[in-house]
Amino acid sequence: MPNSKSAAKRHRQSQSSRLRNRAAKSAIKSQLKKTHTVAKSADTATLDAEFRATVKKLDQAAAKGVLHKNKAARLKSRLVANLKPTKAPPAKVG
């Protein structure tokens, strides 16, 4: 239990921000899974749209302080590395 009015307010604020941050992190994880699922299919147009949406969510979360900016950058880098083989044109044989 908080002992002062300011501590009580800070506790209320931290509870609401915790819920907001949890929702944002959950949305990011869902979007990442969705992008990886689309990457397994051969639909490049959908993949491009999902990739853009994922990057946007990561950037917004980093800007709001939900994620650290380096973590967002790391997740984007890993995502690009995982998607590169699916977006690359097939190698020429011969």
N, C-alpha and C. Protein backbone atom coordinates (compact mmCIF):
# COMPACT_ATOMS: atom_id res chain seq x y z
N MET A 1 0.84 -1.18 0.00
CA MET A 1 0.00 0.00 0.00
C MET A 1 0.89 1.24 0.00
N PRO A 2 0.58 2.20 -0.87
CA PRO A 2 1.36 3.44 -0.87
C PRO A 2 1.06 4.27 0.39
N ASN A 3 2.06 4.98 0.86
CA ASN A 3 1.92 5.76 2.09
C ASN A 3 1.55 7.21 1.84
N SER A 4 1.74 7.72 0.65
CA SER A 4 1.44 9.12 0.38
C SER A 4 0.53 9.23 -0.85
N LYS A 5 -0.03 10.41 -1.04
CA LYS A 5 -0.92 10.63 -2.18
C LYS A 5 -0.15 10.50 -3.49
N SER A 6 1.07 11.03 -3.50
CA SER A 6 1.87 10.98 -4.73
C SER A 6 2.26 9.54 -5.06
N ALA A 7 2.54 8.74 -4.03
CA ALA A 7 2.88 7.34 -4.26
C ALA A 7 1.67 6.56 -4.76
N ALA A 8 0.49 6.91 -4.26
CA ALA A 8 -0.74 6.26 -4.72
C ALA A 8 -1.00 6.60 -6.18
N LYS A 9 -0.79 7.85 -6.54
CA LYS A 9 -0.99 8.25 -7.94
C LYS A 9 0.02 7.55 -8.84
N ARG A 10 1.25 7.50 -8.40
CA ARG A 10 2.30 6.84 -9.20
C ARG A 10 1.96 5.36 -9.39
N HIS A 11 1.41 4.74 -8.36
CA HIS A 11 1.01 3.33 -8.44
C HIS A 11 -0.10 3.15 -9.47
N ARG A 12 -1.09 4.04 -9.45
CA ARG A 12 -2.17 3.98 -10.44
C ARG A 12 -1.62 4.16 -11.85
N GLN A 13 -0.72 5.11 -12.00
CA GLN A 13 -0.14 5.37 -13.32
C GLN A 13 0.66 4.17 -13.82
N SER A 14 1.41 3.55 -12.93
CA SER A 14 2.23 2.41 -13.34
C SER A 14 1.37 1.22 -13.72
N GLN A 15 0.23 1.06 -13.04
CA GLN A 15 -0.67 -0.04 -13.40
C GLN A 15 -1.26 0.15 -14.79
N SER A 16 -1.68 1.37 -15.11
CA SER A 16 -2.28 1.61 -16.42
C SER A 16 -1.23 1.51 -17.52
N SER A 17 -0.01 2.02 -17.26
CA SER A 17 1.03 1.93 -18.28
C SER A 17 1.48 0.49 -18.47
N ARG A 18 1.45 -0.31 -17.41
CA ARG A 18 1.81 -1.72 -17.52
C ARG A 18 0.84 -2.44 -18.46
N LEU A 19 -0.46 -2.18 -18.28
CA LEU A 19 -1.46 -2.80 -19.15
C LEU A 19 -1.29 -2.35 -20.61
N ARG A 20 -1.02 -1.06 -20.79
CA ARG A 20 -0.82 -0.52 -22.14
C ARG A 20 0.41 -1.15 -22.78
N ASN A 21 1.50 -1.26 -22.01
CA ASN A 21 2.73 -1.84 -22.54
C ASN A 21 2.55 -3.31 -22.87
N ARG A 22 1.83 -4.05 -22.00
CA ARG A 22 1.59 -5.47 -22.26
C ARG A 22 0.79 -5.66 -23.54
N ALA A 23 -0.21 -4.81 -23.75
CA ALA A 23 -1.02 -4.91 -24.97
C ALA A 23 -0.18 -4.62 -26.20
N ALA A 24 0.68 -3.62 -26.12
CA ALA A 24 1.53 -3.26 -27.26
C ALA A 24 2.52 -4.38 -27.57
N LYS A 25 3.12 -4.96 -26.53
CA LYS A 25 4.08 -6.05 -26.75
C LYS A 25 3.39 -7.28 -27.32
N SER A 26 2.19 -7.56 -26.86
CA SER A 26 1.43 -8.69 -27.38
C SER A 26 1.10 -8.47 -28.85
N ALA A 27 0.71 -7.26 -29.21
CA ALA A 27 0.39 -6.94 -30.60
C ALA A 27 1.62 -7.10 -31.49
N ILE A 28 2.77 -6.70 -30.97
CA ILE A 28 4.02 -6.84 -31.74
C ILE A 28 4.34 -8.31 -31.97
N LYS A 29 4.22 -9.12 -30.92
CA LYS A 29 4.50 -10.55 -31.05
C LYS A 29 3.55 -11.20 -32.04
N SER A 30 2.28 -10.84 -31.99
CA SER A 30 1.30 -11.38 -32.92
C SER A 30 1.64 -10.99 -34.35
N GLN A 31 2.02 -9.73 -34.54
CA GLN A 31 2.37 -9.25 -35.87
C GLN A 31 3.61 -9.96 -36.40
N LEU A 32 4.59 -10.19 -35.54
CA LEU A 32 5.80 -10.92 -35.97
C LEU A 32 5.45 -12.35 -36.40
N LYS A 33 4.60 -13.01 -35.61
CA LYS A 33 4.19 -14.37 -35.97
C LYS A 33 3.44 -14.39 -37.28
N LYS A 34 2.58 -13.40 -37.48
CA LYS A 34 1.80 -13.31 -38.71
C LYS A 34 2.73 -13.12 -39.91
N THR A 35 3.74 -12.28 -39.76
CA THR A 35 4.69 -12.04 -40.84
C THR A 35 5.48 -13.30 -41.15
N HIS A 36 5.91 -14.03 -40.13
CA HIS A 36 6.65 -15.27 -40.36
C HIS A 36 5.76 -16.31 -41.05
N THR A 37 4.48 -16.35 -40.69
CA THR A 37 3.56 -17.30 -41.31
C THR A 37 3.37 -16.97 -42.79
N VAL A 38 3.21 -15.68 -43.10
CA VAL A 38 3.04 -15.26 -44.49
C VAL A 38 4.33 -15.52 -45.28
N ALA A 39 5.46 -15.43 -44.62
CA ALA A 39 6.74 -15.66 -45.30
C ALA A 39 6.87 -17.09 -45.80
N LYS A 40 6.22 -18.02 -45.10
CA LYS A 40 6.29 -19.42 -45.52
C LYS A 40 5.48 -19.66 -46.80
N SER A 41 4.48 -18.79 -47.04
CA SER A 41 3.73 -18.90 -48.30
C SER A 41 4.49 -18.16 -49.38
N ALA A 42 4.01 -18.25 -50.60
CA ALA A 42 4.73 -17.64 -51.72
C ALA A 42 4.16 -16.29 -52.11
N ASP A 43 3.27 -15.72 -51.33
CA ASP A 43 2.61 -14.47 -51.67
C ASP A 43 3.49 -13.28 -51.27
N THR A 44 4.20 -12.71 -52.24
CA THR A 44 5.13 -11.63 -51.93
C THR A 44 4.42 -10.31 -51.66
N ALA A 45 3.26 -10.08 -52.28
CA ALA A 45 2.54 -8.83 -52.05
C ALA A 45 2.05 -8.75 -50.60
N THR A 46 1.48 -9.85 -50.12
CA THR A 46 1.02 -9.89 -48.74
C THR A 46 2.20 -9.80 -47.78
N LEU A 47 3.27 -10.47 -48.14
CA LEU A 47 4.47 -10.44 -47.30
C LEU A 47 5.00 -9.02 -47.17
N ASP A 48 5.02 -8.29 -48.26
CA ASP A 48 5.51 -6.91 -48.22
C ASP A 48 4.63 -6.05 -47.31
N ALA A 49 3.32 -6.22 -47.42
CA ALA A 49 2.40 -5.45 -46.58
C ALA A 49 2.56 -5.81 -45.11
N GLU A 50 2.70 -7.08 -44.80
CA GLU A 50 2.88 -7.52 -43.41
C GLU A 50 4.21 -7.02 -42.86
N PHE A 51 5.24 -7.07 -43.68
CA PHE A 51 6.56 -6.59 -43.25
C PHE A 51 6.49 -5.11 -42.89
N ARG A 52 5.84 -4.32 -43.73
CA ARG A 52 5.73 -2.89 -43.46
C ARG A 52 4.95 -2.63 -42.17
N ALA A 53 3.88 -3.40 -41.97
CA ALA A 53 3.08 -3.23 -40.76
C ALA A 53 3.88 -3.59 -39.51
N THR A 54 4.68 -4.65 -39.61
CA THR A 54 5.50 -5.07 -38.48
C THR A 54 6.55 -4.02 -38.14
N VAL A 55 7.22 -3.51 -39.16
CA VAL A 55 8.24 -2.49 -38.93
C VAL A 55 7.62 -1.24 -38.33
N LYS A 56 6.43 -0.88 -38.80
CA LYS A 56 5.76 0.30 -38.25
C LYS A 56 5.43 0.11 -36.78
N LYS A 57 4.92 -1.07 -36.42
CA LYS A 57 4.59 -1.33 -35.01
C LYS A 57 5.84 -1.29 -34.14
N LEU A 58 6.93 -1.87 -34.64
CA LEU A 58 8.18 -1.86 -33.87
C LEU A 58 8.69 -0.43 -33.67
N ASP A 59 8.63 0.37 -34.72
CA ASP A 59 9.10 1.76 -34.62
C ASP A 59 8.23 2.57 -33.66
N GLN A 60 6.92 2.36 -33.72
CA GLN A 60 6.03 3.09 -32.83
C GLN A 60 6.27 2.69 -31.37
N ALA A 61 6.48 1.40 -31.13
CA ALA A 61 6.73 0.94 -29.77
C ALA A 61 8.04 1.51 -29.24
N ALA A 62 9.05 1.58 -30.09
CA ALA A 62 10.33 2.15 -29.67
C ALA A 62 10.19 3.64 -29.40
N ALA A 63 9.41 4.33 -30.20
CA ALA A 63 9.23 5.77 -30.02
C ALA A 63 8.47 6.07 -28.72
N LYS A 64 7.53 5.21 -28.35
CA LYS A 64 6.75 5.43 -27.13
C LYS A 64 7.43 4.90 -25.89
N GLY A 65 8.55 4.17 -26.06
CA GLY A 65 9.27 3.66 -24.91
C GLY A 65 8.79 2.30 -24.44
N VAL A 66 7.91 1.66 -25.21
CA VAL A 66 7.46 0.32 -24.86
C VAL A 66 8.62 -0.66 -25.03
N LEU A 67 9.35 -0.51 -26.12
CA LEU A 67 10.55 -1.30 -26.38
C LEU A 67 11.75 -0.36 -26.43
N HIS A 68 12.89 -0.88 -26.07
CA HIS A 68 14.12 -0.11 -26.24
C HIS A 68 14.42 0.00 -27.73
N LYS A 69 15.00 1.12 -28.15
CA LYS A 69 15.22 1.33 -29.58
C LYS A 69 16.16 0.30 -30.17
N ASN A 70 17.12 -0.18 -29.38
CA ASN A 70 18.04 -1.19 -29.90
C ASN A 70 17.35 -2.54 -30.04
N LYS A 71 16.42 -2.84 -29.15
CA LYS A 71 15.67 -4.09 -29.27
C LYS A 71 14.81 -4.07 -30.52
N ALA A 72 14.16 -2.93 -30.78
CA ALA A 72 13.35 -2.80 -31.99
C ALA A 72 14.22 -2.96 -33.23
N ALA A 73 15.40 -2.36 -33.21
CA ALA A 73 16.32 -2.46 -34.34
C ALA A 73 16.78 -3.91 -34.52
N ARG A 74 17.04 -4.59 -33.42
CA ARG A 74 17.48 -5.99 -33.48
C ARG A 74 16.38 -6.88 -34.06
N LEU A 75 15.14 -6.66 -33.62
CA LEU A 75 14.03 -7.45 -34.13
C LEU A 75 13.82 -7.21 -35.62
N LYS A 76 13.94 -5.95 -36.05
CA LYS A 76 13.79 -5.64 -37.48
C LYS A 76 14.91 -6.30 -38.29
N SER A 77 16.12 -6.26 -37.76
CA SER A 77 17.26 -6.86 -38.46
C SER A 77 17.08 -8.36 -38.61
N ARG A 78 16.64 -9.02 -37.55
CA ARG A 78 16.42 -10.46 -37.62
C ARG A 78 15.28 -10.80 -38.57
N LEU A 79 14.27 -9.95 -38.59
CA LEU A 79 13.14 -10.18 -39.48
C LEU A 79 13.59 -10.08 -40.94
N VAL A 80 14.38 -9.07 -41.25
CA VAL A 80 14.88 -8.91 -42.62
C VAL A 80 15.76 -10.10 -43.00
N ALA A 81 16.60 -10.55 -42.07
CA ALA A 81 17.47 -11.69 -42.35
C ALA A 81 16.67 -12.96 -42.61
N ASN A 82 15.55 -13.12 -41.88
CA ASN A 82 14.72 -14.31 -42.09
C ASN A 82 13.92 -14.23 -43.38
N LEU A 83 13.58 -13.03 -43.82
CA LEU A 83 12.75 -12.87 -45.00
C LEU A 83 13.56 -12.80 -46.29
N LYS A 84 14.85 -12.56 -46.20
CA LYS A 84 15.68 -12.42 -47.40
C LYS A 84 15.59 -13.63 -48.34
N PRO A 85 15.71 -14.85 -47.84
CA PRO A 85 15.63 -15.99 -48.75
C PRO A 85 14.28 -16.10 -49.47
N THR A 86 13.21 -15.67 -48.84
CA THR A 86 11.90 -15.78 -49.47
C THR A 86 11.68 -14.71 -50.52
N LYS A 87 12.32 -13.56 -50.37
CA LYS A 87 12.14 -12.46 -51.33
C LYS A 87 13.15 -12.51 -52.47
N ALA A 88 14.23 -13.26 -52.29
CA ALA A 88 15.27 -13.30 -53.31
C ALA A 88 14.77 -14.03 -54.54
N PRO A 89 15.18 -13.57 -55.73
CA PRO A 89 14.78 -14.29 -56.94
C PRO A 89 15.49 -15.64 -57.00
N PRO A 90 14.91 -16.63 -57.66
CA PRO A 90 15.57 -17.93 -57.74
C PRO A 90 16.89 -17.83 -58.50
N ALA A 91 17.85 -18.59 -58.05
CA ALA A 91 19.18 -18.57 -58.66
C ALA A 91 19.13 -19.22 -60.04
N LYS A 92 19.94 -18.66 -60.95
CA LYS A 92 19.99 -19.22 -62.30
C LYS A 92 20.81 -20.50 -62.30
N VAL A 93 20.32 -21.47 -63.02
CA VAL A 93 21.02 -22.75 -63.12
C VAL A 93 21.64 -22.83 -64.50
N GLY A 94 22.89 -23.13 -64.53
CA GLY A 94 23.46 -23.32 -65.86
C GLY A 94 24.77 -22.73 -65.95
